[in-house]
Amino acid sequence: MNALLRQRDLMEFMNISRATLWRMQRHDDFPKPVILMGCKRWLREEIESWLEAKKQAPSREVQVA
């Protein structure tokens, strides 16, 4: 069974602030939470897969003119 992460657990797992989590949620590719009885929970497996995909994606490099 997949582990469910509370917002606080997710922020600690990713080492991010609440504001950063909010910004990340605005992107379409960030995993959507599961809502259980009005509480948001994220599947740990989905978060780990998303992070792994981000690591493997080519980074956008800033070009200096």
PDB file of N, CA and C in Angstrom:
ATOM      1  N   MET A   1       0.842  -1.184   0.000  1.00  0.00           N
ATOM      2  CA  MET A   1       0.000   0.000   0.000  1.00  0.00           C
ATOM      3  C   MET A   1       0.888   1.249   0.000  1.00  0.00           C
ATOM      4  N   ASN A   2       0.456   2.238  -0.734  1.00  0.00           N
ATOM      5  CA  ASN A   2       1.216   3.491  -0.813  1.00  0.00           C
ATOM      6  C   ASN A   2       1.072   4.299   0.469  1.00  0.00           C
ATOM      7  N   ALA A   3       2.160   4.905   0.876  1.00  0.00           N
ATOM      8  CA  ALA A   3       2.123   5.786   2.038  1.00  0.00           C
ATOM      9  C   ALA A   3       1.492   7.111   1.634  1.00  0.00           C
ATOM     10  N   LEU A   4       0.686   7.653   2.511  1.00  0.00           N
ATOM     11  CA  LEU A   4       0.063   8.952   2.282  1.00  0.00           C
ATOM     12  C   LEU A   4       0.793   9.995   3.120  1.00  0.00           C
ATOM     13  N   LEU A   5       1.128  11.111   2.493  1.00  0.00           N
ATOM     14  CA  LEU A   5       1.850  12.180   3.181  1.00  0.00           C
ATOM     15  C   LEU A   5       0.921  13.358   3.452  1.00  0.00           C
ATOM     16  N   ARG A   6       0.944  13.834   4.684  1.00  0.00           N
ATOM     17  CA  ARG A   6       0.257  15.087   5.004  1.00  0.00           C
ATOM     18  C   ARG A   6       1.068  16.233   4.418  1.00  0.00           C
ATOM     19  N   GLN A   7       0.492  17.425   4.378  1.00  0.00           N
ATOM     20  CA  GLN A   7       1.210  18.581   3.848  1.00  0.00           C
ATOM     21  C   GLN A   7       2.518  18.788   4.609  1.00  0.00           C
ATOM     22  N   ARG A   8       2.469  18.727   5.907  1.00  0.00           N
ATOM     23  CA  ARG A   8       3.674  18.926   6.729  1.00  0.00           C
ATOM     24  C   ARG A   8       4.731  17.870   6.407  1.00  0.00           C
ATOM     25  N   ASP A   9       4.287  16.608   6.254  1.00  0.00           N
ATOM     26  CA  ASP A   9       5.220  15.530   5.921  1.00  0.00           C
ATOM     27  C   ASP A   9       5.821  15.733   4.531  1.00  0.00           C
ATOM     28  N   LEU A  10       5.003  16.159   3.594  1.00  0.00           N
ATOM     29  CA  LEU A  10       5.473  16.408   2.240  1.00  0.00           C
ATOM     30  C   LEU A  10       6.506  17.529   2.207  1.00  0.00           C
ATOM     31  N   MET A  11       6.236  18.608   2.934  1.00  0.00           N
ATOM     32  CA  MET A  11       7.179  19.730   2.980  1.00  0.00           C
ATOM     33  C   MET A  11       8.501  19.287   3.607  1.00  0.00           C
ATOM     34  N   GLU A  12       8.443  18.454   4.637  1.00  0.00           N
ATOM     35  CA  GLU A  12       9.655  17.962   5.283  1.00  0.00           C
ATOM     36  C   GLU A  12      10.400  16.995   4.356  1.00  0.00           C
ATOM     37  N   PHE A  13       9.672  16.107   3.692  1.00  0.00           N
ATOM     38  CA  PHE A  13      10.263  15.136   2.770  1.00  0.00           C
ATOM     39  C   PHE A  13      10.998  15.838   1.627  1.00  0.00           C
ATOM     40  N   MET A  14      10.403  16.923   1.103  1.00  0.00           N
ATOM     41  CA  MET A  14      10.994  17.644  -0.027  1.00  0.00           C
ATOM     42  C   MET A  14      11.889  18.791   0.424  1.00  0.00           C
ATOM     43  N   ASN A  15      11.880  19.085   1.724  1.00  0.00           N
ATOM     44  CA  ASN A  15      12.657  20.187   2.287  1.00  0.00           C
ATOM     45  C   ASN A  15      12.296  21.524   1.631  1.00  0.00           C
ATOM     46  N   ILE A  16      10.992  21.808   1.621  1.00  0.00           N
ATOM     47  CA  ILE A  16      10.483  23.046   1.020  1.00  0.00           C
ATOM     48  C   ILE A  16       9.536  23.737   1.996  1.00  0.00           C
ATOM     49  N   SER A  17       9.265  25.012   1.720  1.00  0.00           N
ATOM     50  CA  SER A  17       8.336  25.779   2.549  1.00  0.00           C
ATOM     51  C   SER A  17       6.907  25.602   2.022  1.00  0.00           C
ATOM     52  N   ARG A  18       5.951  26.075   2.796  1.00  0.00           N
ATOM     53  CA  ARG A  18       4.553  26.020   2.388  1.00  0.00           C
ATOM     54  C   ARG A  18       4.330  26.848   1.116  1.00  0.00           C
ATOM     55  N   ALA A  19       4.988  28.001   1.023  1.00  0.00           N
ATOM     56  CA  ALA A  19       4.843  28.848  -0.162  1.00  0.00           C
ATOM     57  C   ALA A  19       5.393  28.158  -1.406  1.00  0.00           C
ATOM     58  N   THR A  20       6.517  27.458  -1.259  1.00  0.00           N
ATOM     59  CA  THR A  20       7.095  26.736  -2.394  1.00  0.00           C
ATOM     60  C   THR A  20       6.177  25.600  -2.818  1.00  0.00           C
ATOM     61  N   LEU A  21       5.607  24.883  -1.869  1.00  0.00           N
ATOM     62  CA  LEU A  21       4.658  23.818  -2.193  1.00  0.00           C
ATOM     63  C   LEU A  21       3.469  24.394  -2.946  1.00  0.00           C
ATOM     64  N   TRP A  22       2.968  25.515  -2.504  1.00  0.00           N
ATOM     65  CA  TRP A  22       1.827  26.157  -3.167  1.00  0.00           C
ATOM     66  C   TRP A  22       2.182  26.504  -4.613  1.00  0.00           C
ATOM     67  N   ARG A  23       3.380  27.060  -4.819  1.00  0.00           N
ATOM     68  CA  ARG A  23       3.810  27.387  -6.187  1.00  0.00           C
ATOM     69  C   ARG A  23       3.942  26.140  -7.039  1.00  0.00           C
ATOM     70  N   MET A  24       4.474  25.072  -6.478  1.00  0.00           N
ATOM     71  CA  MET A  24       4.643  23.830  -7.225  1.00  0.00           C
ATOM     72  C   MET A  24       3.291  23.231  -7.598  1.00  0.00           C
ATOM     73  N   GLN A  25       2.309  23.358  -6.735  1.00  0.00           N
ATOM     74  CA  GLN A  25       0.980  22.818  -7.006  1.00  0.00           C
ATOM     75  C   GLN A  25       0.300  23.545  -8.164  1.00  0.00           C
ATOM     76  N   ARG A  26       0.697  24.752  -8.434  1.00  0.00           N
ATOM     77  CA  ARG A  26       0.101  25.512  -9.531  1.00  0.00           C
ATOM     78  C   ARG A  26       0.516  24.974 -10.892  1.00  0.00           C
ATOM     79  N   HIS A  27       1.609  24.187 -10.948  1.00  0.00           N
ATOM     80  CA  HIS A  27       2.058  23.589 -12.203  1.00  0.00           C
ATOM     81  C   HIS A  27       1.258  22.324 -12.467  1.00  0.00           C
ATOM     82  N   ASP A  28       0.920  22.118 -13.732  1.00  0.00           N
ATOM     83  CA  ASP A  28       0.081  20.980 -14.096  1.00  0.00           C
ATOM     84  C   ASP A  28       0.739  19.629 -13.864  1.00  0.00           C
ATOM     85  N   ASP A  29       2.071  19.572 -13.877  1.00  0.00           N
ATOM     86  CA  ASP A  29       2.725  18.273 -13.769  1.00  0.00           C
ATOM     87  C   ASP A  29       2.951  17.815 -12.325  1.00  0.00           C
ATOM     88  N   PHE A  30       2.691  18.676 -11.341  1.00  0.00           N
ATOM     89  CA  PHE A  30       2.873  18.278  -9.944  1.00  0.00           C
ATOM     90  C   PHE A  30       1.746  17.334  -9.546  1.00  0.00           C
ATOM     91  N   PRO A  31       2.061  16.244  -8.845  1.00  0.00           N
ATOM     92  CA  PRO A  31       1.020  15.276  -8.461  1.00  0.00           C
ATOM     93  C   PRO A  31      -0.107  15.924  -7.661  1.00  0.00           C
ATOM     94  N   LYS A  32      -1.316  15.564  -8.028  1.00  0.00           N
ATOM     95  CA  LYS A  32      -2.496  16.076  -7.338  1.00  0.00           C
ATOM     96  C   LYS A  32      -2.704  15.306  -6.037  1.00  0.00           C
ATOM     97  N   PRO A  33      -3.169  15.984  -5.007  1.00  0.00           N
ATOM     98  CA  PRO A  33      -3.421  15.275  -3.746  1.00  0.00           C
ATOM     99  C   PRO A  33      -4.699  14.449  -3.823  1.00  0.00           C
ATOM    100  N   VAL A  34      -4.757  13.448  -2.970  1.00  0.00           N
ATOM    101  CA  VAL A  34      -5.965  12.661  -2.768  1.00  0.00           C
ATOM    102  C   VAL A  34      -6.689  13.340  -1.615  1.00  0.00           C
ATOM    103  N   ILE A  35      -7.986  13.528  -1.738  1.00  0.00           N
ATOM    104  CA  ILE A  35      -8.731  14.179  -0.661  1.00  0.00           C
ATOM    105  C   ILE A  35      -9.550  13.117   0.074  1.00  0.00           C
ATOM    106  N   LEU A  36      -9.220  12.941   1.341  1.00  0.00           N
ATOM    107  CA  LEU A  36      -9.900  11.977   2.195  1.00  0.00           C
ATOM    108  C   LEU A  36     -10.595  12.720   3.315  1.00  0.00           C
ATOM    109  N   MET A  37     -11.892  12.667   3.313  1.00  0.00           N
ATOM    110  CA  MET A  37     -12.698  13.324   4.345  1.00  0.00           C
ATOM    111  C   MET A  37     -12.285  14.784   4.521  1.00  0.00           C
ATOM    112  N   GLY A  38     -12.022  15.472   3.415  1.00  0.00           N
ATOM    113  CA  GLY A  38     -11.679  16.878   3.448  1.00  0.00           C
ATOM    114  C   GLY A  38     -10.209  17.175   3.707  1.00  0.00           C
ATOM    115  N   CYS A  39      -9.387  16.141   3.857  1.00  0.00           N
ATOM    116  CA  CYS A  39      -7.957  16.333   4.124  1.00  0.00           C
ATOM    117  C   CYS A  39      -7.144  15.947   2.890  1.00  0.00           C
ATOM    118  N   LYS A  40      -6.188  16.800   2.537  1.00  0.00           N
ATOM    119  CA  LYS A  40      -5.325  16.512   1.391  1.00  0.00           C
ATOM    120  C   LYS A  40      -4.180  15.599   1.819  1.00  0.00           C
ATOM    121  N   ARG A  41      -3.950  14.579   1.006  1.00  0.00           N
ATOM    122  CA  ARG A  41      -2.832  13.659   1.211  1.00  0.00           C
ATOM    123  C   ARG A  41      -2.205  13.379  -0.151  1.00  0.00           C
ATOM    124  N   TRP A  42      -0.896  13.264  -0.163  1.00  0.00           N
ATOM    125  CA  TRP A  42      -0.173  12.961  -1.393  1.00  0.00           C
ATOM    126  C   TRP A  42       0.366  11.552  -1.305  1.00  0.00           C
ATOM    127  N   LEU A  43       0.337  10.833  -2.420  1.00  0.00           N
ATOM    128  CA  LEU A  43       0.911   9.500  -2.474  1.00  0.00           C
ATOM    129  C   LEU A  43       2.428   9.628  -2.572  1.00  0.00           C
ATOM    130  N   ARG A  44       3.117   9.032  -1.635  1.00  0.00           N
ATOM    131  CA  ARG A  44       4.580   9.137  -1.601  1.00  0.00           C
ATOM    132  C   ARG A  44       5.199   8.618  -2.899  1.00  0.00           C
ATOM    133  N   GLU A  45       4.655   7.541  -3.430  1.00  0.00           N
ATOM    134  CA  GLU A  45       5.176   6.953  -4.662  1.00  0.00           C
ATOM    135  C   GLU A  45       5.070   7.943  -5.831  1.00  0.00           C
ATOM    136  N   GLU A  46       3.963   8.660  -5.926  1.00  0.00           N
ATOM    137  CA  GLU A  46       3.794   9.657  -6.995  1.00  0.00           C
ATOM    138  C   GLU A  46       4.786  10.811  -6.833  1.00  0.00           C
ATOM    139  N   ILE A  47       5.008  11.234  -5.607  1.00  0.00           N
ATOM    140  CA  ILE A  47       5.965  12.322  -5.358  1.00  0.00           C
ATOM    141  C   ILE A  47       7.376  11.870  -5.725  1.00  0.00           C
ATOM    142  N   GLU A  48       7.745  10.652  -5.322  1.00  0.00           N
ATOM    143  CA  GLU A  48       9.073  10.140  -5.641  1.00  0.00           C
ATOM    144  C   GLU A  48       9.261  10.006  -7.151  1.00  0.00           C
ATOM    145  N   SER A  49       8.237   9.530  -7.863  1.00  0.00           N
ATOM    146  CA  SER A  49       8.312   9.411  -9.323  1.00  0.00           C
ATOM    147  C   SER A  49       8.456  10.778  -9.972  1.00  0.00           C
ATOM    148  N   TRP A  50       7.716  11.749  -9.458  1.00  0.00           N
ATOM    149  CA  TRP A  50       7.779  13.109 -10.010  1.00  0.00           C
ATOM    150  C   TRP A  50       9.177  13.701  -9.801  1.00  0.00           C
ATOM    151  N   LEU A  51       9.727  13.506  -8.608  1.00  0.00           N
ATOM    152  CA  LEU A  51      11.067  14.015  -8.321  1.00  0.00           C
ATOM    153  C   LEU A  51      12.112  13.347  -9.219  1.00  0.00           C
ATOM    154  N   GLU A  52      11.981  12.041  -9.423  1.00  0.00           N
ATOM    155  CA  GLU A  52      12.923  11.316 -10.281  1.00  0.00           C
ATOM    156  C   GLU A  52      12.836  11.824 -11.723  1.00  0.00           C
ATOM    157  N   ALA A  53      11.628  12.091 -12.194  1.00  0.00           N
ATOM    158  CA  ALA A  53      11.448  12.618 -13.552  1.00  0.00           C
ATOM    159  C   ALA A  53      12.082  14.000 -13.680  1.00  0.00           C
ATOM    160  N   LYS A  54      11.970  14.809 -12.627  1.00  0.00           N
ATOM    161  CA  LYS A  54      12.577  16.147 -12.639  1.00  0.00           C
ATOM    162  C   LYS A  54      14.102  16.056 -12.678  1.00  0.00           C
ATOM    163  N   LYS A  55      14.664  15.064 -11.988  1.00  0.00           N
ATOM    164  CA  LYS A  55      16.120  14.891 -11.993  1.00  0.00           C
ATOM    165  C   LYS A  55      16.623  14.507 -13.377  1.00  0.00           C
ATOM    166  N   GLN A  56      15.839  13.678 -14.083  1.00  0.00           N
ATOM    167  CA  GLN A  56      16.260  13.177 -15.382  1.00  0.00           C
ATOM    168  C   GLN A  56      15.968  14.141 -16.523  1.00  0.00           C
ATOM    169  N   ALA A  57      15.080  15.096 -16.306  1.00  0.00           N
ATOM    170  CA  ALA A  57      14.733  16.059 -17.357  1.00  0.00           C
ATOM    171  C   ALA A  57      15.911  16.992 -17.594  1.00  0.00           C
ATOM    172  N   PRO A  58      16.140  17.362 -18.854  1.00  0.00           N
ATOM    173  CA  PRO A  58      17.227  18.307 -19.127  1.00  0.00           C
ATOM    174  C   PRO A  58      16.962  19.643 -18.439  1.00  0.00           C
ATOM    175  N   SER A  59      17.976  20.166 -17.808  1.00  0.00           N
ATOM    176  CA  SER A  59      17.798  21.436 -17.092  1.00  0.00           C
ATOM    177  C   SER A  59      17.828  22.590 -18.072  1.00  0.00           C
ATOM    178  N   ARG A  60      17.116  23.633 -17.713  1.00  0.00           N
ATOM    179  CA  ARG A  60      17.116  24.844 -18.536  1.00  0.00           C
ATOM    180  C   ARG A  60      18.306  25.683 -18.129  1.00  0.00           C
ATOM    181  N   GLU A  61      19.186  25.883 -19.077  1.00  0.00           N
ATOM    182  CA  GLU A  61      20.370  26.669 -18.787  1.00  0.00           C
ATOM    183  C   GLU A  61      20.146  28.118 -19.211  1.00  0.00           C
ATOM    184  N   VAL A  62      20.672  29.001 -18.418  1.00  0.00           N
ATOM    185  CA  VAL A  62      20.564  30.435 -18.707  1.00  0.00           C
ATOM    186  C   VAL A  62      21.707  30.796 -19.627  1.00  0.00           C
ATOM    187  N   GLN A  63      21.358  31.394 -20.758  1.00  0.00           N
ATOM    188  CA  GLN A  63      22.383  31.806 -21.707  1.00  0.00           C
ATOM    189  C   GLN A  63      22.677  33.284 -21.500  1.00  0.00           C
ATOM    190  N   VAL A  64      23.955  33.586 -21.388  1.00  0.00           N
ATOM    191  CA  VAL A  64      24.386  34.969 -21.195  1.00  0.00           C
ATOM    192  C   VAL A  64      24.796  35.522 -22.548  1.00  0.00           C
ATOM    193  N   ALA A  65      24.190  36.621 -22.936  1.00  0.00           N
ATOM    194  CA  ALA A  65      24.501  37.209 -24.248  1.00  0.00           C
ATOM    195  C   ALA A  65      25.662  38.151 -24.155  1.00  0.00           C
TER     196      ALA A  65
END
